[in-house]
PDB file of N, CA and C in Angstrom:
ATOM      1  N   UNK A   1       5.220  -5.333  37.608  1.00  0.00           N
ATOM      2  CA  UNK A   1       6.511  -5.304  36.974  1.00  0.00           C
ATOM      3  C   UNK A   1       6.419  -4.502  35.677  1.00  0.00           C
ATOM      4  N   UNK A   2       7.289  -3.517  35.542  1.00  0.00           N
ATOM      5  CA  UNK A   2       7.322  -2.711  34.324  1.00  0.00           C
ATOM      6  C   UNK A   2       8.421  -3.215  33.406  1.00  0.00           C
ATOM      7  N   UNK A   3       8.106  -3.225  32.115  1.00  0.00           N
ATOM      8  CA  UNK A   3       9.089  -3.647  31.124  1.00  0.00           C
ATOM      9  C   UNK A   3       9.790  -2.424  30.540  1.00  0.00           C
ATOM     10  N   UNK A   4      11.061  -2.571  30.275  1.00  0.00           N
ATOM     11  CA  UNK A   4      11.807  -1.499  29.624  1.00  0.00           C
ATOM     12  C   UNK A   4      11.540  -1.548  28.124  1.00  0.00           C
ATOM     13  N   UNK A   5      11.913  -0.488  27.429  1.00  0.00           N
ATOM     14  CA  UNK A   5      11.721  -0.446  25.979  1.00  0.00           C
ATOM     15  C   UNK A   5      12.477  -1.574  25.284  1.00  0.00           C
ATOM     16  N   UNK A   6      13.666  -1.887  25.761  1.00  0.00           N
ATOM     17  CA  UNK A   6      14.460  -2.969  25.169  1.00  0.00           C
ATOM     18  C   UNK A   6      13.782  -4.328  25.365  1.00  0.00           C
ATOM     19  N   UNK A   7      13.189  -4.547  26.512  1.00  0.00           N
ATOM     20  CA  UNK A   7      12.497  -5.810  26.770  1.00  0.00           C
ATOM     21  C   UNK A   7      11.275  -5.946  25.869  1.00  0.00           C
ATOM     22  N   UNK A   8      10.537  -4.858  25.700  1.00  0.00           N
ATOM     23  CA  UNK A   8       9.360  -4.873  24.831  1.00  0.00           C
ATOM     24  C   UNK A   8       9.783  -5.133  23.391  1.00  0.00           C
ATOM     25  N   UNK A   9      10.861  -4.489  22.955  1.00  0.00           N
ATOM     26  CA  UNK A   9      11.362  -4.679  21.587  1.00  0.00           C
ATOM     27  C   UNK A   9      11.756  -6.132  21.346  1.00  0.00           C
ATOM     28  N   UNK A  10      12.435  -6.755  22.311  1.00  0.00           N
ATOM     29  CA  UNK A  10      12.863  -8.142  22.140  1.00  0.00           C
ATOM     30  C   UNK A  10      11.677  -9.101  22.108  1.00  0.00           C
ATOM     31  N   UNK A  11      10.609  -8.775  22.815  1.00  0.00           N
ATOM     32  CA  UNK A  11       9.410  -9.614  22.813  1.00  0.00           C
ATOM     33  C   UNK A  11       8.664  -9.483  21.484  1.00  0.00           C
ATOM     34  N   UNK A  12       8.563  -8.271  20.971  1.00  0.00           N
ATOM     35  CA  UNK A  12       7.777  -7.998  19.769  1.00  0.00           C
ATOM     36  C   UNK A  12       8.513  -8.321  18.472  1.00  0.00           C
ATOM     37  N   UNK A  13       9.815  -8.381  18.508  1.00  0.00           N
ATOM     38  CA  UNK A  13      10.605  -8.579  17.306  1.00  0.00           C
ATOM     39  C   UNK A  13      10.651 -10.061  16.944  1.00  0.00           C
ATOM     40  N   UNK A  14      10.428 -10.361  15.678  1.00  0.00           N
ATOM     41  CA  UNK A  14      10.472 -11.738  15.208  1.00  0.00           C
ATOM     42  C   UNK A  14      11.589 -11.882  14.186  1.00  0.00           C
ATOM     43  N   UNK A  15      12.203 -13.032  14.183  1.00  0.00           N
ATOM     44  CA  UNK A  15      13.216 -13.344  13.181  1.00  0.00           C
ATOM     45  C   UNK A  15      12.616 -14.392  12.256  1.00  0.00           C
ATOM     46  N   UNK A  16      11.885 -13.926  11.275  1.00  0.00           N
ATOM     47  CA  UNK A  16      11.177 -14.814  10.364  1.00  0.00           C
ATOM     48  C   UNK A  16      12.130 -15.365   9.310  1.00  0.00           C
ATOM     49  N   UNK A  17      12.105 -16.681   9.136  1.00  0.00           N
ATOM     50  CA  UNK A  17      12.987 -17.271   8.132  1.00  0.00           C
ATOM     51  C   UNK A  17      12.210 -17.855   6.963  1.00  0.00           C
ATOM     52  N   UNK A  18      10.895 -18.054   7.097  1.00  0.00           N
ATOM     53  CA  UNK A  18      10.096 -18.502   5.959  1.00  0.00           C
ATOM     54  C   UNK A  18       8.658 -18.047   6.137  1.00  0.00           C
ATOM     55  N   UNK A  19       7.984 -17.890   5.010  1.00  0.00           N
ATOM     56  CA  UNK A  19       6.558 -17.545   5.064  1.00  0.00           C
ATOM     57  C   UNK A  19       5.861 -18.104   3.837  1.00  0.00           C
ATOM     58  N   UNK A  20       4.597 -18.460   4.038  1.00  0.00           N
ATOM     59  CA  UNK A  20       3.773 -19.014   2.970  1.00  0.00           C
ATOM     60  C   UNK A  20       2.531 -18.148   2.839  1.00  0.00           C
ATOM     61  N   UNK A  21       2.223 -17.768   1.610  1.00  0.00           N
ATOM     62  CA  UNK A  21       1.040 -16.947   1.374  1.00  0.00           C
ATOM     63  C   UNK A  21       0.245 -17.518   0.214  1.00  0.00           C
ATOM     64  N   UNK A  22      -1.036 -17.192   0.185  1.00  0.00           N
ATOM     65  CA  UNK A  22      -1.947 -17.627  -0.859  1.00  0.00           C
ATOM     66  C   UNK A  22      -2.310 -16.408  -1.695  1.00  0.00           C
ATOM     67  N   UNK A  23      -2.041 -16.458  -3.005  1.00  0.00           N
ATOM     68  CA  UNK A  23      -2.292 -15.301  -3.877  1.00  0.00           C
ATOM     69  C   UNK A  23      -3.040 -15.728  -5.129  1.00  0.00           C
ATOM     70  N   UNK A  24      -3.714 -14.755  -5.738  1.00  0.00           N
ATOM     71  CA  UNK A  24      -4.455 -15.032  -6.969  1.00  0.00           C
ATOM     72  C   UNK A  24      -3.512 -15.041  -8.158  1.00  0.00           C
ATOM     73  N   UNK A  25      -3.982 -15.568  -9.275  1.00  0.00           N
ATOM     74  CA  UNK A  25      -3.182 -15.635 -10.500  1.00  0.00           C
ATOM     75  C   UNK A  25      -2.751 -14.243 -10.955  1.00  0.00           C
ATOM     76  N   UNK A  26      -3.625 -13.264 -10.791  1.00  0.00           N
ATOM     77  CA  UNK A  26      -3.341 -11.908 -11.264  1.00  0.00           C
ATOM     78  C   UNK A  26      -2.217 -11.238 -10.479  1.00  0.00           C
ATOM     79  N   UNK A  27      -2.076 -11.572  -9.210  1.00  0.00           N
ATOM     80  CA  UNK A  27      -1.113 -10.897  -8.341  1.00  0.00           C
ATOM     81  C   UNK A  27       0.215 -11.638  -8.189  1.00  0.00           C
ATOM     82  N   UNK A  28       0.345 -12.823  -8.742  1.00  0.00           N
ATOM     83  CA  UNK A  28       1.509 -13.670  -8.474  1.00  0.00           C
ATOM     84  C   UNK A  28       2.827 -12.991  -8.854  1.00  0.00           C
ATOM     85  N   UNK A  29       2.902 -12.411 -10.045  1.00  0.00           N
ATOM     86  CA  UNK A  29       4.159 -11.805 -10.487  1.00  0.00           C
ATOM     87  C   UNK A  29       4.546 -10.614  -9.618  1.00  0.00           C
ATOM     88  N   UNK A  30       3.575  -9.787  -9.275  1.00  0.00           N
ATOM     89  CA  UNK A  30       3.829  -8.606  -8.458  1.00  0.00           C
ATOM     90  C   UNK A  30       4.309  -8.999  -7.058  1.00  0.00           C
ATOM     91  N   UNK A  31       3.663  -9.991  -6.454  1.00  0.00           N
ATOM     92  CA  UNK A  31       4.018 -10.441  -5.106  1.00  0.00           C
ATOM     93  C   UNK A  31       5.410 -11.071  -5.093  1.00  0.00           C
ATOM     94  N   UNK A  32       5.703 -11.911  -6.070  1.00  0.00           N
ATOM     95  CA  UNK A  32       7.019 -12.560  -6.133  1.00  0.00           C
ATOM     96  C   UNK A  32       8.113 -11.516  -6.312  1.00  0.00           C
ATOM     97  N   UNK A  33       7.924 -10.581  -7.226  1.00  0.00           N
ATOM     98  CA  UNK A  33       8.919  -9.536  -7.454  1.00  0.00           C
ATOM     99  C   UNK A  33       9.147  -8.701  -6.196  1.00  0.00           C
ATOM    100  N   UNK A  34       8.065  -8.354  -5.518  1.00  0.00           N
ATOM    101  CA  UNK A  34       8.159  -7.546  -4.294  1.00  0.00           C
ATOM    102  C   UNK A  34       8.963  -8.276  -3.218  1.00  0.00           C
ATOM    103  N   UNK A  35       8.700  -9.555  -3.011  1.00  0.00           N
ATOM    104  CA  UNK A  35       9.405 -10.314  -1.983  1.00  0.00           C
ATOM    105  C   UNK A  35      10.873 -10.540  -2.346  1.00  0.00           C
ATOM    106  N   UNK A  36      11.151 -10.804  -3.615  1.00  0.00           N
ATOM    107  CA  UNK A  36      12.537 -11.000  -4.037  1.00  0.00           C
ATOM    108  C   UNK A  36      13.341  -9.709  -3.837  1.00  0.00           C
ATOM    109  N   UNK A  37      12.728  -8.563  -4.117  1.00  0.00           N
ATOM    110  CA  UNK A  37      13.423  -7.291  -3.923  1.00  0.00           C
ATOM    111  C   UNK A  37      13.653  -6.989  -2.442  1.00  0.00           C
ATOM    112  N   UNK A  38      12.876  -7.615  -1.545  1.00  0.00           N
ATOM    113  CA  UNK A  38      13.056  -7.440  -0.108  1.00  0.00           C
ATOM    114  C   UNK A  38      14.030  -8.459   0.485  1.00  0.00           C
ATOM    115  N   UNK A  39      14.616  -9.324  -0.359  1.00  0.00           N
ATOM    116  CA  UNK A  39      15.618 -10.269   0.122  1.00  0.00           C
ATOM    117  C   UNK A  39      15.118 -11.686   0.332  1.00  0.00           C
ATOM    118  N   UNK A  40      13.868 -11.964   0.003  1.00  0.00           N
ATOM    119  CA  UNK A  40      13.316 -13.306   0.129  1.00  0.00           C
ATOM    120  C   UNK A  40      13.666 -14.107  -1.114  1.00  0.00           C
ATOM    121  N   UNK A  41      13.706 -15.434  -0.979  1.00  0.00           N
ATOM    122  CA  UNK A  41      13.940 -16.336  -2.098  1.00  0.00           C
ATOM    123  C   UNK A  41      12.713 -17.222  -2.269  1.00  0.00           C
ATOM    124  N   UNK A  42      12.239 -17.342  -3.508  1.00  0.00           N
ATOM    125  CA  UNK A  42      11.086 -18.202  -3.783  1.00  0.00           C
ATOM    126  C   UNK A  42      11.509 -19.648  -3.590  1.00  0.00           C
ATOM    127  N   UNK A  43      10.820 -20.351  -2.699  1.00  0.00           N
ATOM    128  CA  UNK A  43      11.171 -21.731  -2.366  1.00  0.00           C
ATOM    129  C   UNK A  43      10.245 -22.729  -3.051  1.00  0.00           C
ATOM    130  N   UNK A  44       8.949 -22.413  -3.073  1.00  0.00           N
ATOM    131  CA  UNK A  44       7.982 -23.359  -3.619  1.00  0.00           C
ATOM    132  C   UNK A  44       6.769 -22.600  -4.137  1.00  0.00           C
ATOM    133  N   UNK A  45       6.178 -23.104  -5.229  1.00  0.00           N
ATOM    134  CA  UNK A  45       4.962 -22.512  -5.794  1.00  0.00           C
ATOM    135  C   UNK A  45       4.043 -23.650  -6.195  1.00  0.00           C
ATOM    136  N   UNK A  46       2.839 -23.689  -5.619  1.00  0.00           N
ATOM    137  CA  UNK A  46       1.884 -24.767  -5.881  1.00  0.00           C
ATOM    138  C   UNK A  46       0.554 -24.152  -6.319  1.00  0.00           C
ATOM    139  N   UNK A  47      -0.001 -24.687  -7.401  1.00  0.00           N
ATOM    140  CA  UNK A  47      -1.294 -24.221  -7.890  1.00  0.00           C
ATOM    141  C   UNK A  47      -2.400 -24.958  -7.137  1.00  0.00           C
ATOM    142  N   UNK A  48      -3.302 -24.186  -6.516  1.00  0.00           N
ATOM    143  CA  UNK A  48      -4.435 -24.751  -5.783  1.00  0.00           C
ATOM    144  C   UNK A  48      -5.701 -24.087  -6.307  1.00  0.00           C
ATOM    145  N   UNK A  49      -6.502 -24.838  -7.022  1.00  0.00           N
ATOM    146  CA  UNK A  49      -7.727 -24.336  -7.652  1.00  0.00           C
ATOM    147  C   UNK A  49      -7.439 -23.072  -8.451  1.00  0.00           C
ATOM    148  N   UNK A  50      -7.919 -21.921  -7.985  1.00  0.00           N
ATOM    149  CA  UNK A  50      -7.739 -20.682  -8.739  1.00  0.00           C
ATOM    150  C   UNK A  50      -6.707 -19.756  -8.095  1.00  0.00           C
ATOM    151  N   UNK A  51      -5.836 -20.293  -7.234  1.00  0.00           N
ATOM    152  CA  UNK A  51      -4.821 -19.496  -6.556  1.00  0.00           C
ATOM    153  C   UNK A  51      -3.478 -20.233  -6.529  1.00  0.00           C
ATOM    154  N   UNK A  52      -2.453 -19.515  -6.130  1.00  0.00           N
ATOM    155  CA  UNK A  52      -1.131 -20.101  -5.917  1.00  0.00           C
ATOM    156  C   UNK A  52      -0.777 -20.017  -4.441  1.00  0.00           C
ATOM    157  N   UNK A  53      -0.214 -21.096  -3.922  1.00  0.00           N
ATOM    158  CA  UNK A  53       0.361 -21.082  -2.580  1.00  0.00           C
ATOM    159  C   UNK A  53       1.868 -20.981  -2.785  1.00  0.00           C
ATOM    160  N   UNK A  54       2.456 -19.867  -2.349  1.00  0.00           N
ATOM    161  CA  UNK A  54       3.882 -19.657  -2.561  1.00  0.00           C
ATOM    162  C   UNK A  54       4.597 -19.539  -1.224  1.00  0.00           C
ATOM    163  N   UNK A  55       5.777 -20.129  -1.168  1.00  0.00           N
ATOM    164  CA  UNK A  55       6.589 -20.124   0.044  1.00  0.00           C
ATOM    165  C   UNK A  55       7.906 -19.437  -0.255  1.00  0.00           C
ATOM    166  N   UNK A  56       8.272 -18.523   0.627  1.00  0.00           N
ATOM    167  CA  UNK A  56       9.529 -17.796   0.534  1.00  0.00           C
ATOM    168  C   UNK A  56      10.389 -18.133   1.731  1.00  0.00           C
ATOM    169  N   UNK A  57      11.719 -18.129   1.544  1.00  0.00           N
ATOM    170  CA  UNK A  57      12.662 -18.307   2.638  1.00  0.00           C
ATOM    171  C   UNK A  57      13.630 -17.130   2.636  1.00  0.00           C
ATOM    172  N   UNK A  58      14.182 -16.856   3.813  1.00  0.00           N
ATOM    173  CA  UNK A  58      15.140 -15.772   3.953  1.00  0.00           C
ATOM    174  C   UNK A  58      16.310 -16.262   4.783  1.00  0.00           C
ATOM    175  N   UNK A  59      17.519 -16.015   4.298  1.00  0.00           N
ATOM    176  CA  UNK A  59      18.703 -16.392   5.070  1.00  0.00           C
ATOM    177  C   UNK A  59      18.844 -15.457   6.251  1.00  0.00           C
ATOM    178  N   UNK A  60      19.235 -16.014   7.362  1.00  0.00           N
ATOM    179  CA  UNK A  60      19.390 -15.206   8.573  1.00  0.00           C
ATOM    180  C   UNK A  60      20.678 -14.470   8.581  1.00  0.00           C
TER     181      UNK A  60
END
C-alpha cells in the first residue's frame, strides 16, 4: 500500500499544545523569550538543582 503525500503529512504533523523542557540558569531568559515570541505562554517554572524545568502551553 502506497501513501499519498497528504496521508504522510497528516501522520507526521503534530498539534502540540504543551511542552516541558529542562534548561540551565544561563539560558533561561533566552529560551523563555524565544518561546513567547513563537506564541507559547509560560505556564510553570520550577528550580531543580542547577537547572529550571519550564512548561509552555499554546492555544490551539
